[in-house]
Amino acid sequence: MNIVILRGVLSSAPVLRSLASGSVVVSLEVTTPLDTGTASVPVAWFDPPSEVPWGPGDEVCVLGTVRRRFFRSGGVTQSRTEVVATQVVAAGNRRQVQRLLQRAVSRLGPQPEGALRSV
């Protein structure tokens, strides 16, 4: 099962691109704390429901999947690992964060009694 819940701060402004297919993708760089410093996680959000209201320094929660994609650049095959978002919400909006977490838990399927607890 491929489920990611990511919470962090936007380290740069979201970048909106229109694809040839007509889809829209928003690229986000989410910085998260680690025991040894921080990690910058690239996030691709396809066809978001509305304009992205956040900017650098805003804290967000992301629900999605991990994807590794391969591409050629300068005659060399390269890869990039990113999170493909299905939902992004402001981390300060407790109700939206709770819904995001409930959605993630529901994707896990049936759980043994007491296996998961509410946060």
PDB file of N, CA and C in Angstrom:
ATOM      1  N   MET A   1       0.848  -1.167   0.000  1.00  0.00           N
ATOM      2  CA  MET A   1       0.000   0.000   0.000  1.00  0.00           C
ATOM      3  C   MET A   1       0.897   1.236   0.000  1.00  0.00           C
ATOM      4  N   ASN A   2       0.554   2.188  -0.797  1.00  0.00           N
ATOM      5  CA  ASN A   2       1.373   3.386  -0.984  1.00  0.00           C
ATOM      6  C   ASN A   2       0.568   4.598  -0.515  1.00  0.00           C
ATOM      7  N   ILE A   3       0.740   4.975   0.746  1.00  0.00           N
ATOM      8  CA  ILE A   3       0.039   6.126   1.324  1.00  0.00           C
ATOM      9  C   ILE A   3       1.059   7.002   2.032  1.00  0.00           C
ATOM     10  N   VAL A   4       0.996   8.304   1.755  1.00  0.00           N
ATOM     11  CA  VAL A   4       1.894   9.268   2.386  1.00  0.00           C
ATOM     12  C   VAL A   4       1.065  10.346   3.062  1.00  0.00           C
ATOM     13  N   ILE A   5       1.412  10.647   4.304  1.00  0.00           N
ATOM     14  CA  ILE A   5       0.895  11.833   4.986  1.00  0.00           C
ATOM     15  C   ILE A   5       2.115  12.666   5.321  1.00  0.00           C
ATOM     16  N   LEU A   6       2.135  13.879   4.831  1.00  0.00           N
ATOM     17  CA  LEU A   6       3.296  14.753   4.963  1.00  0.00           C
ATOM     18  C   LEU A   6       2.845  16.077   5.557  1.00  0.00           C
ATOM     19  N   ARG A   7       3.561  16.541   6.566  1.00  0.00           N
ATOM     20  CA  ARG A   7       3.273  17.857   7.148  1.00  0.00           C
ATOM     21  C   ARG A   7       4.566  18.648   7.144  1.00  0.00           C
ATOM     22  N   GLY A   8       4.483  19.865   6.638  1.00  0.00           N
ATOM     23  CA  GLY A   8       5.677  20.692   6.595  1.00  0.00           C
ATOM     24  C   GLY A   8       5.360  22.094   6.126  1.00  0.00           C
ATOM     25  N   VAL A   9       6.413  22.848   5.887  1.00  0.00           N
ATOM     26  CA  VAL A   9       6.315  24.260   5.513  1.00  0.00           C
ATOM     27  C   VAL A   9       6.707  24.413   4.047  1.00  0.00           C
ATOM     28  N   LEU A  10       5.949  25.217   3.313  1.00  0.00           N
ATOM     29  CA  LEU A  10       6.313  25.494   1.924  1.00  0.00           C
ATOM     30  C   LEU A  10       7.589  26.330   1.907  1.00  0.00           C
ATOM     31  N   SER A  11       8.601  25.832   1.224  1.00  0.00           N
ATOM     32  CA  SER A  11       9.880  26.542   1.189  1.00  0.00           C
ATOM     33  C   SER A  11       9.969  27.506   0.011  1.00  0.00           C
ATOM     34  N   SER A  12       9.006  27.422  -0.903  1.00  0.00           N
ATOM     35  CA  SER A  12       8.966  28.351  -2.039  1.00  0.00           C
ATOM     36  C   SER A  12       7.515  28.501  -2.489  1.00  0.00           C
ATOM     37  N   ALA A  13       7.287  29.451  -3.366  1.00  0.00           N
ATOM     38  CA  ALA A  13       5.932  29.675  -3.878  1.00  0.00           C
ATOM     39  C   ALA A  13       5.505  28.496  -4.754  1.00  0.00           C
ATOM     40  N   PRO A  14       4.237  28.095  -4.689  1.00  0.00           N
ATOM     41  CA  PRO A  14       3.747  27.043  -5.581  1.00  0.00           C
ATOM     42  C   PRO A  14       3.922  27.457  -7.042  1.00  0.00           C
ATOM     43  N   VAL A  15       4.252  26.480  -7.892  1.00  0.00           N
ATOM     44  CA  VAL A  15       4.443  26.736  -9.322  1.00  0.00           C
ATOM     45  C   VAL A  15       3.344  26.003 -10.080  1.00  0.00           C
ATOM     46  N   LEU A  16       2.553  26.755 -10.833  1.00  0.00           N
ATOM     47  CA  LEU A  16       1.430  26.220 -11.596  1.00  0.00           C
ATOM     48  C   LEU A  16       1.850  26.027 -13.048  1.00  0.00           C
ATOM     49  N   ARG A  17       1.575  24.817 -13.599  1.00  0.00           N
ATOM     50  CA  ARG A  17       1.878  24.552 -15.007  1.00  0.00           C
ATOM     51  C   ARG A  17       0.671  23.910 -15.673  1.00  0.00           C
ATOM     52  N   SER A  18       0.414  24.305 -16.898  1.00  0.00           N
ATOM     53  CA  SER A  18      -0.621  23.661 -17.708  1.00  0.00           C
ATOM     54  C   SER A  18       0.059  22.644 -18.607  1.00  0.00           C
ATOM     55  N   LEU A  19      -0.458  21.428 -18.620  1.00  0.00           N
ATOM     56  CA  LEU A  19       0.112  20.361 -19.431  1.00  0.00           C
ATOM     57  C   LEU A  19      -0.582  20.303 -20.786  1.00  0.00           C
ATOM     58  N   ALA A  20       0.060  19.663 -21.752  1.00  0.00           N
ATOM     59  CA  ALA A  20      -0.506  19.535 -23.094  1.00  0.00           C
ATOM     60  C   ALA A  20      -1.849  18.808 -23.067  1.00  0.00           C
ATOM     61  N   SER A  21      -2.039  17.950 -22.081  1.00  0.00           N
ATOM     62  CA  SER A  21      -3.288  17.190 -21.949  1.00  0.00           C
ATOM     63  C   SER A  21      -4.451  18.061 -21.485  1.00  0.00           C
ATOM     64  N   GLY A  22      -4.136  19.275 -21.041  1.00  0.00           N
ATOM     65  CA  GLY A  22      -5.166  20.152 -20.492  1.00  0.00           C
ATOM     66  C   GLY A  22      -5.214  20.131 -18.980  1.00  0.00           C
ATOM     67  N   SER A  23      -4.509  19.183 -18.377  1.00  0.00           N
ATOM     68  CA  SER A  23      -4.437  19.120 -16.918  1.00  0.00           C
ATOM     69  C   SER A  23      -3.558  20.239 -16.389  1.00  0.00           C
ATOM     70  N   VAL A  24      -3.747  20.533 -15.130  1.00  0.00           N
ATOM     71  CA  VAL A  24      -2.924  21.524 -14.436  1.00  0.00           C
ATOM     72  C   VAL A  24      -2.180  20.796 -13.329  1.00  0.00           C
ATOM     73  N   VAL A  25      -0.900  21.102 -13.166  1.00  0.00           N
ATOM     74  CA  VAL A  25      -0.134  20.537 -12.062  1.00  0.00           C
ATOM     75  C   VAL A  25       0.476  21.681 -11.267  1.00  0.00           C
ATOM     76  N   VAL A  26       0.362  21.574  -9.953  1.00  0.00           N
ATOM     77  CA  VAL A  26       0.978  22.543  -9.052  1.00  0.00           C
ATOM     78  C   VAL A  26       2.155  21.845  -8.382  1.00  0.00           C
ATOM     79  N   SER A  27       3.336  22.446  -8.477  1.00  0.00           N
ATOM     80  CA  SER A  27       4.531  21.906  -7.829  1.00  0.00           C
ATOM     81  C   SER A  27       4.754  22.642  -6.518  1.00  0.00           C
ATOM     82  N   LEU A  28       4.903  21.860  -5.451  1.00  0.00           N
ATOM     83  CA  LEU A  28       5.157  22.405  -4.119  1.00  0.00           C
ATOM     84  C   LEU A  28       6.465  21.830  -3.599  1.00  0.00           C
ATOM     85  N   GLU A  29       7.212  22.609  -2.852  1.00  0.00           N
ATOM     86  CA  GLU A  29       8.390  22.125  -2.127  1.00  0.00           C
ATOM     87  C   GLU A  29       8.050  22.229  -0.651  1.00  0.00           C
ATOM     88  N   VAL A  30       7.904  21.077   0.000  1.00  0.00           N
ATOM     89  CA  VAL A  30       7.518  21.032   1.408  1.00  0.00           C
ATOM     90  C   VAL A  30       8.735  20.632   2.231  1.00  0.00           C
ATOM     91  N   THR A  31       9.109  21.470   3.180  1.00  0.00           N
ATOM     92  CA  THR A  31      10.249  21.194   4.054  1.00  0.00           C
ATOM     93  C   THR A  31       9.733  20.633   5.369  1.00  0.00           C
ATOM     94  N   THR A  32      10.270  19.481   5.749  1.00  0.00           N
ATOM     95  CA  THR A  32       9.851  18.815   6.978  1.00  0.00           C
ATOM     96  C   THR A  32      11.040  18.641   7.908  1.00  0.00           C
ATOM     97  N   PRO A  33      10.804  18.705   9.218  1.00  0.00           N
ATOM     98  CA  PRO A  33      11.902  18.505  10.162  1.00  0.00           C
ATOM     99  C   PRO A  33      12.276  17.027  10.274  1.00  0.00           C
ATOM    100  N   LEU A  34      13.558  16.773  10.442  1.00  0.00           N
ATOM    101  CA  LEU A  34      14.096  15.440  10.700  1.00  0.00           C
ATOM    102  C   LEU A  34      14.925  15.506  11.977  1.00  0.00           C
ATOM    103  N   ASP A  35      15.254  14.368  12.534  1.00  0.00           N
ATOM    104  CA  ASP A  35      16.132  14.359  13.709  1.00  0.00           C
ATOM    105  C   ASP A  35      17.491  14.975  13.388  1.00  0.00           C
ATOM    106  N   THR A  36      17.907  14.867  12.122  1.00  0.00           N
ATOM    107  CA  THR A  36      19.233  15.345  11.719  1.00  0.00           C
ATOM    108  C   THR A  36      19.190  16.649  10.935  1.00  0.00           C
ATOM    109  N   GLY A  37      18.066  17.345  10.944  1.00  0.00           N
ATOM    110  CA  GLY A  37      17.951  18.600  10.194  1.00  0.00           C
ATOM    111  C   GLY A  37      16.594  18.717   9.539  1.00  0.00           C
ATOM    112  N   THR A  38      16.598  18.934   8.213  1.00  0.00           N
ATOM    113  CA  THR A  38      15.339  19.036   7.471  1.00  0.00           C
ATOM    114  C   THR A  38      15.452  18.283   6.153  1.00  0.00           C
ATOM    115  N   ALA A  39      14.296  17.996   5.573  1.00  0.00           N
ATOM    116  CA  ALA A  39      14.245  17.386   4.245  1.00  0.00           C
ATOM    117  C   ALA A  39      13.294  18.201   3.394  1.00  0.00           C
ATOM    118  N   SER A  40      13.664  18.408   2.146  1.00  0.00           N
ATOM    119  CA  SER A  40      12.801  19.095   1.200  1.00  0.00           C
ATOM    120  C   SER A  40      12.140  18.031   0.330  1.00  0.00           C
ATOM    121  N   VAL A  41      10.817  18.005   0.341  1.00  0.00           N
ATOM    122  CA  VAL A  41      10.070  16.977  -0.375  1.00  0.00           C
ATOM    123  C   VAL A  41       9.308  17.619  -1.532  1.00  0.00           C
ATOM    124  N   PRO A  42       9.609  17.221  -2.773  1.00  0.00           N
ATOM    125  CA  PRO A  42       8.843  17.742  -3.903  1.00  0.00           C
ATOM    126  C   PRO A  42       7.461  17.088  -3.956  1.00  0.00           C
ATOM    127  N   VAL A  43       6.443  17.909  -4.191  1.00  0.00           N
ATOM    128  CA  VAL A  43       5.060  17.433  -4.259  1.00  0.00           C
ATOM    129  C   VAL A  43       4.454  17.897  -5.581  1.00  0.00           C
ATOM    130  N   ALA A  44       3.817  16.975  -6.294  1.00  0.00           N
ATOM    131  CA  ALA A  44       3.079  17.300  -7.520  1.00  0.00           C
ATOM    132  C   ALA A  44       1.601  17.109  -7.226  1.00  0.00           C
ATOM    133  N   TRP A  45       0.805  18.158  -7.455  1.00  0.00           N
ATOM    134  CA  TRP A  45      -0.637  18.114  -7.188  1.00  0.00           C
ATOM    135  C   TRP A  45      -1.350  18.367  -8.506  1.00  0.00           C
ATOM    136  N   PHE A  46      -1.942  17.310  -9.071  1.00  0.00           N
ATOM    137  CA  PHE A  46      -2.600  17.405 -10.367  1.00  0.00           C
ATOM    138  C   PHE A  46      -4.046  17.861 -10.215  1.00  0.00           C
ATOM    139  N   ASP A  47      -4.427  18.812 -11.045  1.00  0.00           N
ATOM    140  CA  ASP A  47      -5.796  19.328 -11.098  1.00  0.00           C
ATOM    141  C   ASP A  47      -6.371  19.651  -9.720  1.00  0.00           C
ATOM    142  N   PRO A  48      -5.712  20.559  -8.985  1.00  0.00           N
ATOM    143  CA  PRO A  48      -6.246  20.942  -7.675  1.00  0.00           C
ATOM    144  C   PRO A  48      -7.638  21.551  -7.842  1.00  0.00           C
ATOM    145  N   PRO A  49      -8.481  21.455  -6.806  1.00  0.00           N
ATOM    146  CA  PRO A  49      -9.865  21.909  -6.932  1.00  0.00           C
ATOM    147  C   PRO A  49     -10.027  23.417  -7.118  1.00  0.00           C
ATOM    148  N   SER A  50      -9.047  24.196  -6.729  1.00  0.00           N
ATOM    149  CA  SER A  50      -9.136  25.656  -6.871  1.00  0.00           C
ATOM    150  C   SER A  50      -7.725  26.236  -6.858  1.00  0.00           C
ATOM    151  N   GLU A  51      -7.650  27.558  -6.838  1.00  0.00           N
ATOM    152  CA  GLU A  51      -6.333  28.192  -6.744  1.00  0.00           C
ATOM    153  C   GLU A  51      -5.661  27.800  -5.435  1.00  0.00           C
ATOM    154  N   VAL A  52      -4.362  27.695  -5.466  1.00  0.00           N
ATOM    155  CA  VAL A  52      -3.599  27.338  -4.272  1.00  0.00           C
ATOM    156  C   VAL A  52      -3.372  28.612  -3.462  1.00  0.00           C
ATOM    157  N   PRO A  53      -3.952  28.696  -2.253  1.00  0.00           N
ATOM    158  CA  PRO A  53      -3.924  29.947  -1.492  1.00  0.00           C
ATOM    159  C   PRO A  53      -2.682  30.145  -0.634  1.00  0.00           C
ATOM    160  N   TRP A  54      -1.712  29.251  -0.720  1.00  0.00           N
ATOM    161  CA  TRP A  54      -0.576  29.309   0.196  1.00  0.00           C
ATOM    162  C   TRP A  54       0.671  29.848  -0.487  1.00  0.00           C
ATOM    163  N   GLY A  55       1.605  30.283   0.345  1.00  0.00           N
ATOM    164  CA  GLY A  55       2.871  30.782  -0.147  1.00  0.00           C
ATOM    165  C   GLY A  55       4.003  30.325   0.744  1.00  0.00           C
ATOM    166  N   PRO A  56       5.212  30.788   0.467  1.00  0.00           N
ATOM    167  CA  PRO A  56       6.372  30.393   1.261  1.00  0.00           C
ATOM    168  C   PRO A  56       6.136  30.668   2.747  1.00  0.00           C
ATOM    169  N   GLY A  57       6.500  29.679   3.569  1.00  0.00           N
ATOM    170  CA  GLY A  57       6.357  29.813   5.018  1.00  0.00           C
ATOM    171  C   GLY A  57       5.055  29.272   5.563  1.00  0.00           C
ATOM    172  N   ASP A  58       4.078  28.989   4.696  1.00  0.00           N
ATOM    173  CA  ASP A  58       2.804  28.430   5.155  1.00  0.00           C
ATOM    174  C   ASP A  58       2.962  26.938   5.423  1.00  0.00           C
ATOM    175  N   GLU A  59       2.312  26.467   6.488  1.00  0.00           N
ATOM    176  CA  GLU A  59       2.386  25.054   6.854  1.00  0.00           C
ATOM    177  C   GLU A  59       1.201  24.307   6.251  1.00  0.00           C
ATOM    178  N   VAL A  60       1.483  23.165   5.620  1.00  0.00           N
ATOM    179  CA  VAL A  60       0.449  22.372   4.958  1.00  0.00           C
ATOM    180  C   VAL A  60       0.551  20.902   5.365  1.00  0.00           C
ATOM    181  N   CYS A  61      -0.558  20.185   5.170  1.00  0.00           N
ATOM    182  CA  CYS A  61      -0.595  18.727   5.289  1.00  0.00           C
ATOM    183  C   CYS A  61      -0.959  18.172   3.921  1.00  0.00           C
ATOM    184  N   VAL A  62      -0.261  17.128   3.523  1.00  0.00           N
ATOM    185  CA  VAL A  62      -0.434  16.533   2.196  1.00  0.00           C
ATOM    186  C   VAL A  62      -0.791  15.060   2.357  1.00  0.00           C
ATOM    187  N   LEU A  63      -1.788  14.611   1.610  1.00  0.00           N
ATOM    188  CA  LEU A  63      -2.121  13.194   1.505  1.00  0.00           C
ATOM    189  C   LEU A  63      -1.838  12.792   0.068  1.00  0.00           C
ATOM    190  N   GLY A  64      -1.119  11.681  -0.112  1.00  0.00           N
ATOM    191  CA  GLY A  64      -0.810  11.266  -1.471  1.00  0.00           C
ATOM    192  C   GLY A  64      -0.077   9.949  -1.521  1.00  0.00           C
ATOM    193  N   THR A  65       0.688   9.768  -2.595  1.00  0.00           N
ATOM    194  CA  THR A  65       1.466   8.555  -2.817  1.00  0.00           C
ATOM    195  C   THR A  65       2.883   8.936  -3.241  1.00  0.00           C
ATOM    196  N   VAL A  66       3.808   8.010  -3.051  1.00  0.00           N
ATOM    197  CA  VAL A  66       5.186   8.223  -3.494  1.00  0.00           C
ATOM    198  C   VAL A  66       5.310   7.713  -4.923  1.00  0.00           C
ATOM    199  N   ARG A  67       5.994   8.494  -5.753  1.00  0.00           N
ATOM    200  CA  ARG A  67       6.215   8.099  -7.145  1.00  0.00           C
ATOM    201  C   ARG A  67       7.659   8.410  -7.506  1.00  0.00           C
ATOM    202  N   ARG A  68       8.271   7.476  -8.197  1.00  0.00           N
ATOM    203  CA  ARG A  68       9.601   7.713  -8.761  1.00  0.00           C
ATOM    204  C   ARG A  68       9.438   7.714 -10.267  1.00  0.00           C
ATOM    205  N   ARG A  69       9.827   8.814 -10.872  1.00  0.00           N
ATOM    206  CA  ARG A  69       9.699   8.895 -12.327  1.00  0.00           C
ATOM    207  C   ARG A  69      11.077   9.040 -12.952  1.00  0.00           C
ATOM    208  N   PHE A  70      11.200   8.515 -14.142  1.00  0.00           N
ATOM    209  CA  PHE A  70      12.465   8.530 -14.871  1.00  0.00           C
ATOM    210  C   PHE A  70      12.326   9.431 -16.089  1.00  0.00           C
ATOM    211  N   PHE A  71      13.419  10.124 -16.408  1.00  0.00           N
ATOM    212  CA  PHE A  71      13.422  11.010 -17.568  1.00  0.00           C
ATOM    213  C   PHE A  71      14.847  11.125 -18.078  1.00  0.00           C
ATOM    214  N   ARG A  72      14.975  11.571 -19.316  1.00  0.00           N
ATOM    215  CA  ARG A  72      16.305  11.765 -19.896  1.00  0.00           C
ATOM    216  C   ARG A  72      16.609  13.245 -19.926  1.00  0.00           C
ATOM    217  N   SER A  73      17.822  13.568 -19.517  1.00  0.00           N
ATOM    218  CA  SER A  73      18.280  14.955 -19.526  1.00  0.00           C
ATOM    219  C   SER A  73      19.759  14.951 -19.884  1.00  0.00           C
ATOM    220  N   GLY A  74      20.113  15.656 -20.928  1.00  0.00           N
ATOM    221  CA  GLY A  74      21.509  15.692 -21.349  1.00  0.00           C
ATOM    222  C   GLY A  74      22.032  14.330 -21.759  1.00  0.00           C
ATOM    223  N   GLY A  75      21.159  13.479 -22.314  1.00  0.00           N
ATOM    224  CA  GLY A  75      21.579  12.157 -22.760  1.00  0.00           C
ATOM    225  C   GLY A  75      21.734  11.144 -21.644  1.00  0.00           C
ATOM    226  N   VAL A  76      21.363  11.519 -20.435  1.00  0.00           N
ATOM    227  CA  VAL A  76      21.510  10.633 -19.275  1.00  0.00           C
ATOM    228  C   VAL A  76      20.129  10.380 -18.668  1.00  0.00           C
ATOM    229  N   THR A  77      19.871   9.124 -18.297  1.00  0.00           N
ATOM    230  CA  THR A  77      18.622   8.804 -17.613  1.00  0.00           C
ATOM    231  C   THR A  77      18.746   9.211 -16.151  1.00  0.00           C
ATOM    232  N   GLN A  78      17.781   9.988 -15.701  1.00  0.00           N
ATOM    233  CA  GLN A  78      17.764  10.439 -14.308  1.00  0.00           C
ATOM    234  C   GLN A  78      16.431  10.059 -13.695  1.00  0.00           C
ATOM    235  N   SER A  79      16.353  10.159 -12.373  1.00  0.00           N
ATOM    236  CA  SER A  79      15.085   9.882 -11.711  1.00  0.00           C
ATOM    237  C   SER A  79      14.824  10.933 -10.644  1.00  0.00           C
ATOM    238  N   ARG A  80      13.565  11.037 -10.297  1.00  0.00           N
ATOM    239  CA  ARG A  80      13.142  11.973  -9.259  1.00  0.00           C
ATOM    240  C   ARG A  80      12.054  11.273  -8.452  1.00  0.00           C
ATOM    241  N   THR A  81      12.194  11.309  -7.150  1.00  0.00           N
ATOM    242  CA  THR A  81      11.176  10.771  -6.260  1.00  0.00           C
ATOM    243  C   THR A  81      10.374  11.942  -5.724  1.00  0.00           C
ATOM    244  N   GLU A  82       9.054  11.826  -5.797  1.00  0.00           N
ATOM    245  CA  GLU A  82       8.186  12.909  -5.356  1.00  0.00           C
ATOM    246  C   GLU A  82       6.919  12.331  -4.749  1.00  0.00           C
ATOM    247  N   VAL A  83       6.178  13.177  -4.066  1.00  0.00           N
ATOM    248  CA  VAL A  83       4.858  12.812  -3.564  1.00  0.00           C
ATOM    249  C   VAL A  83       3.834  13.353  -4.557  1.00  0.00           C
ATOM    250  N   VAL A  84       2.927  12.497  -4.993  1.00  0.00           N
ATOM    251  CA  VAL A  84       1.818  12.929  -5.836  1.00  0.00           C
ATOM    252  C   VAL A  84       0.625  13.123  -4.903  1.00  0.00           C
ATOM    253  N   ALA A  85       0.220  14.367  -4.733  1.00  0.00           N
ATOM    254  CA  ALA A  85      -0.826  14.713  -3.769  1.00  0.00           C
ATOM    255  C   ALA A  85      -2.212  14.409  -4.315  1.00  0.00           C
ATOM    256  N   THR A  86      -3.056  13.869  -3.448  1.00  0.00           N
ATOM    257  CA  THR A  86      -4.482  13.757  -3.756  1.00  0.00           C
ATOM    258  C   THR A  86      -5.262  14.823  -2.997  1.00  0.00           C
ATOM    259  N   GLN A  87      -4.669  15.320  -1.914  1.00  0.00           N
ATOM    260  CA  GLN A  87      -5.308  16.371  -1.119  1.00  0.00           C
ATOM    261  C   GLN A  87      -4.225  17.164  -0.398  1.00  0.00           C
ATOM    262  N   VAL A  88      -4.388  18.477  -0.354  1.00  0.00           N
ATOM    263  CA  VAL A  88      -3.490  19.364   0.391  1.00  0.00           C
ATOM    264  C   VAL A  88      -4.370  20.329   1.169  1.00  0.00           C
ATOM    265  N   VAL A  89      -4.085  20.478   2.470  1.00  0.00           N
ATOM    266  CA  VAL A  89      -4.863  21.393   3.315  1.00  0.00           C
ATOM    267  C   VAL A  89      -3.913  22.207   4.183  1.00  0.00           C
ATOM    268  N   ALA A  90      -4.405  23.334   4.669  1.00  0.00           N
ATOM    269  CA  ALA A  90      -3.628  24.151   5.604  1.00  0.00           C
ATOM    270  C   ALA A  90      -3.489  23.389   6.917  1.00  0.00           C
ATOM    271  N   ALA A  91      -2.275  23.283   7.437  1.00  0.00           N
ATOM    272  CA  ALA A  91      -2.033  22.526   8.664  1.00  0.00           C
ATOM    273  C   ALA A  91      -2.748  23.134   9.863  1.00  0.00           C
ATOM    274  N   GLY A  92      -3.017  24.422   9.817  1.00  0.00           N
ATOM    275  CA  GLY A  92      -3.688  25.087  10.929  1.00  0.00           C
ATOM    276  C   GLY A  92      -5.192  24.869  10.965  1.00  0.00           C
ATOM    277  N   ASN A  93      -5.758  24.287   9.914  1.00  0.00           N
ATOM    278  CA  ASN A  93      -7.197  24.027   9.865  1.00  0.00           C
ATOM    279  C   ASN A  93      -7.458  22.626  10.409  1.00  0.00           C
ATOM    280  N   ARG A  94      -7.700  22.556  11.708  1.00  0.00           N
ATOM    281  CA  ARG A  94      -7.810  21.269  12.405  1.00  0.00           C
ATOM    282  C   ARG A  94      -8.875  20.353  11.786  1.00  0.00           C
ATOM    283  N   ARG A  95     -10.010  20.912  11.414  1.00  0.00           N
ATOM    284  CA  ARG A  95     -11.097  20.094  10.855  1.00  0.00           C
ATOM    285  C   ARG A  95     -10.665  19.459   9.527  1.00  0.00           C
ATOM    286  N   GLN A  96     -10.027  20.252   8.655  1.00  0.00           N
ATOM    287  CA  GLN A  96      -9.578  19.703   7.369  1.00  0.00           C
ATOM    288  C   GLN A  96      -8.473  18.666   7.562  1.00  0.00           C
ATOM    289  N   VAL A  97      -7.582  18.907   8.528  1.00  0.00           N
ATOM    290  CA  VAL A  97      -6.509  17.935   8.802  1.00  0.00           C
ATOM    291  C   VAL A  97      -7.114  16.629   9.304  1.00  0.00           C
ATOM    292  N   GLN A  98      -8.117  16.713  10.191  1.00  0.00           N
ATOM    293  CA  GLN A  98      -8.778  15.502  10.695  1.00  0.00           C
ATOM    294  C   GLN A  98      -9.417  14.718   9.543  1.00  0.00           C
ATOM    295  N   ARG A  99     -10.073  15.418   8.622  1.00  0.00           N
ATOM    296  CA  ARG A  99     -10.687  14.746   7.467  1.00  0.00           C
ATOM    297  C   ARG A  99      -9.626  14.081   6.590  1.00  0.00           C
ATOM    298  N   LEU A 100      -8.508  14.776   6.397  1.00  0.00           N
ATOM    299  CA  LEU A 100      -7.409  14.220   5.607  1.00  0.00           C
ATOM    300  C   LEU A 100      -6.902  12.931   6.259  1.00  0.00           C
ATOM    301  N   LEU A 101      -6.716  12.955   7.578  1.00  0.00           N
ATOM    302  CA  LEU A 101      -6.235  11.767   8.289  1.00  0.00           C
ATOM    303  C   LEU A 101      -7.256  10.636   8.234  1.00  0.00           C
ATOM    304  N   GLN A 102      -8.536  10.961   8.381  1.00  0.00           N
ATOM    305  CA  GLN A 102      -9.579   9.930   8.292  1.00  0.00           C
ATOM    306  C   GLN A 102      -9.596   9.300   6.901  1.00  0.00           C
ATOM    307  N   ARG A 103      -9.400  10.118   5.891  1.00  0.00           N
ATOM    308  CA  ARG A 103      -9.366   9.601   4.518  1.00  0.00           C
ATOM    309  C   ARG A 103      -8.186   8.637   4.347  1.00  0.00           C
ATOM    310  N   ALA A 104      -7.037   8.991   4.915  1.00  0.00           N
ATOM    311  CA  ALA A 104      -5.857   8.124   4.825  1.00  0.00           C
ATOM    312  C   ALA A 104      -6.105   6.804   5.542  1.00  0.00           C
ATOM    313  N   VAL A 105      -6.688   6.860   6.736  1.00  0.00           N
ATOM    314  CA  VAL A 105      -6.964   5.643   7.504  1.00  0.00           C
ATOM    315  C   VAL A 105      -7.959   4.761   6.755  1.00  0.00           C
ATOM    316  N   SER A 106      -8.964   5.361   6.126  1.00  0.00           N
ATOM    317  CA  SER A 106      -9.955   4.558   5.397  1.00  0.00           C
ATOM    318  C   SER A 106      -9.311   3.822   4.224  1.00  0.00           C
ATOM    319  N   ARG A 107      -8.272   4.388   3.643  1.00  0.00           N
ATOM    320  CA  ARG A 107      -7.560   3.719   2.545  1.00  0.00           C
ATOM    321  C   ARG A 107      -6.816   2.475   3.023  1.00  0.00           C
ATOM    322  N   LEU A 108      -6.496   2.436   4.310  1.00  0.00           N
ATOM    323  CA  LEU A 108      -5.769   1.293   4.852  1.00  0.00           C
ATOM    324  C   LEU A 108      -6.640   0.048   4.934  1.00  0.00           C
ATOM    325  N   GLY A 109      -7.959   0.224   4.889  1.00  0.00           N
ATOM    326  CA  GLY A 109      -8.872  -0.910   4.975  1.00  0.00           C
ATOM    327  C   GLY A 109      -9.176  -1.255   6.418  1.00  0.00           C
ATOM    328  N   PRO A 110      -9.846  -2.393   6.633  1.00  0.00           N
ATOM    329  CA  PRO A 110     -10.233  -2.789   7.996  1.00  0.00           C
ATOM    330  C   PRO A 110      -9.007  -2.962   8.892  1.00  0.00           C
ATOM    331  N   GLN A 111      -9.129  -2.464  10.113  1.00  0.00           N
ATOM    332  CA  GLN A 111      -8.034  -2.551  11.078  1.00  0.00           C
ATOM    333  C   GLN A 111      -8.490  -3.346  12.295  1.00  0.00           C
ATOM    334  N   PRO A 112      -7.583  -4.110  12.903  1.00  0.00           N
ATOM    335  CA  PRO A 112      -7.941  -4.807  14.142  1.00  0.00           C
ATOM    336  C   PRO A 112      -8.339  -3.793  15.212  1.00  0.00           C
ATOM    337  N   GLU A 113      -9.238  -4.187  16.090  1.00  0.00           N
ATOM    338  CA  GLU A 113      -9.701  -3.316  17.173  1.00  0.00           C
ATOM    339  C   GLU A 113      -8.514  -2.755  17.946  1.00  0.00           C
ATOM    340  N   GLY A 114      -8.462  -1.440  18.069  1.00  0.00           N
ATOM    341  CA  GLY A 114      -7.407  -0.785  18.852  1.00  0.00           C
ATOM    342  C   GLY A 114      -6.100  -0.593  18.109  1.00  0.00           C
ATOM    343  N   ALA A 115      -6.020  -1.019  16.834  1.00  0.00           N
ATOM    344  CA  ALA A 115      -4.759  -0.904  16.093  1.00  0.00           C
ATOM    345  C   ALA A 115      -4.420   0.542  15.775  1.00  0.00           C
ATOM    346  N   LEU A 116      -5.434   1.356  15.521  1.00  0.00           N
ATOM    347  CA  LEU A 116      -5.218   2.766  15.211  1.00  0.00           C
ATOM    348  C   LEU A 116      -5.968   3.602  16.225  1.00  0.00           C
ATOM    349  N   ARG A 117      -5.367   4.704  16.606  1.00  0.00           N
ATOM    350  CA  ARG A 117      -6.051   5.580  17.554  1.00  0.00           C
ATOM    351  C   ARG A 117      -6.121   6.975  16.968  1.00  0.00           C
ATOM    352  N   SER A 118      -7.083   7.729  17.418  1.00  0.00           N
ATOM    353  CA  SER A 118      -7.267   9.093  16.941  1.00  0.00           C
ATOM    354  C   SER A 118      -6.181   9.986  17.503  1.00  0.00           C
ATOM    355  N   VAL A 119      -5.755  10.965  16.710  1.00  0.00           N
ATOM    356  CA  VAL A 119      -4.750  11.927  17.170  1.00  0.00           C
ATOM    357  C   VAL A 119      -5.386  13.244  17.489  1.00  0.00           C
TER     358      VAL A 119
END
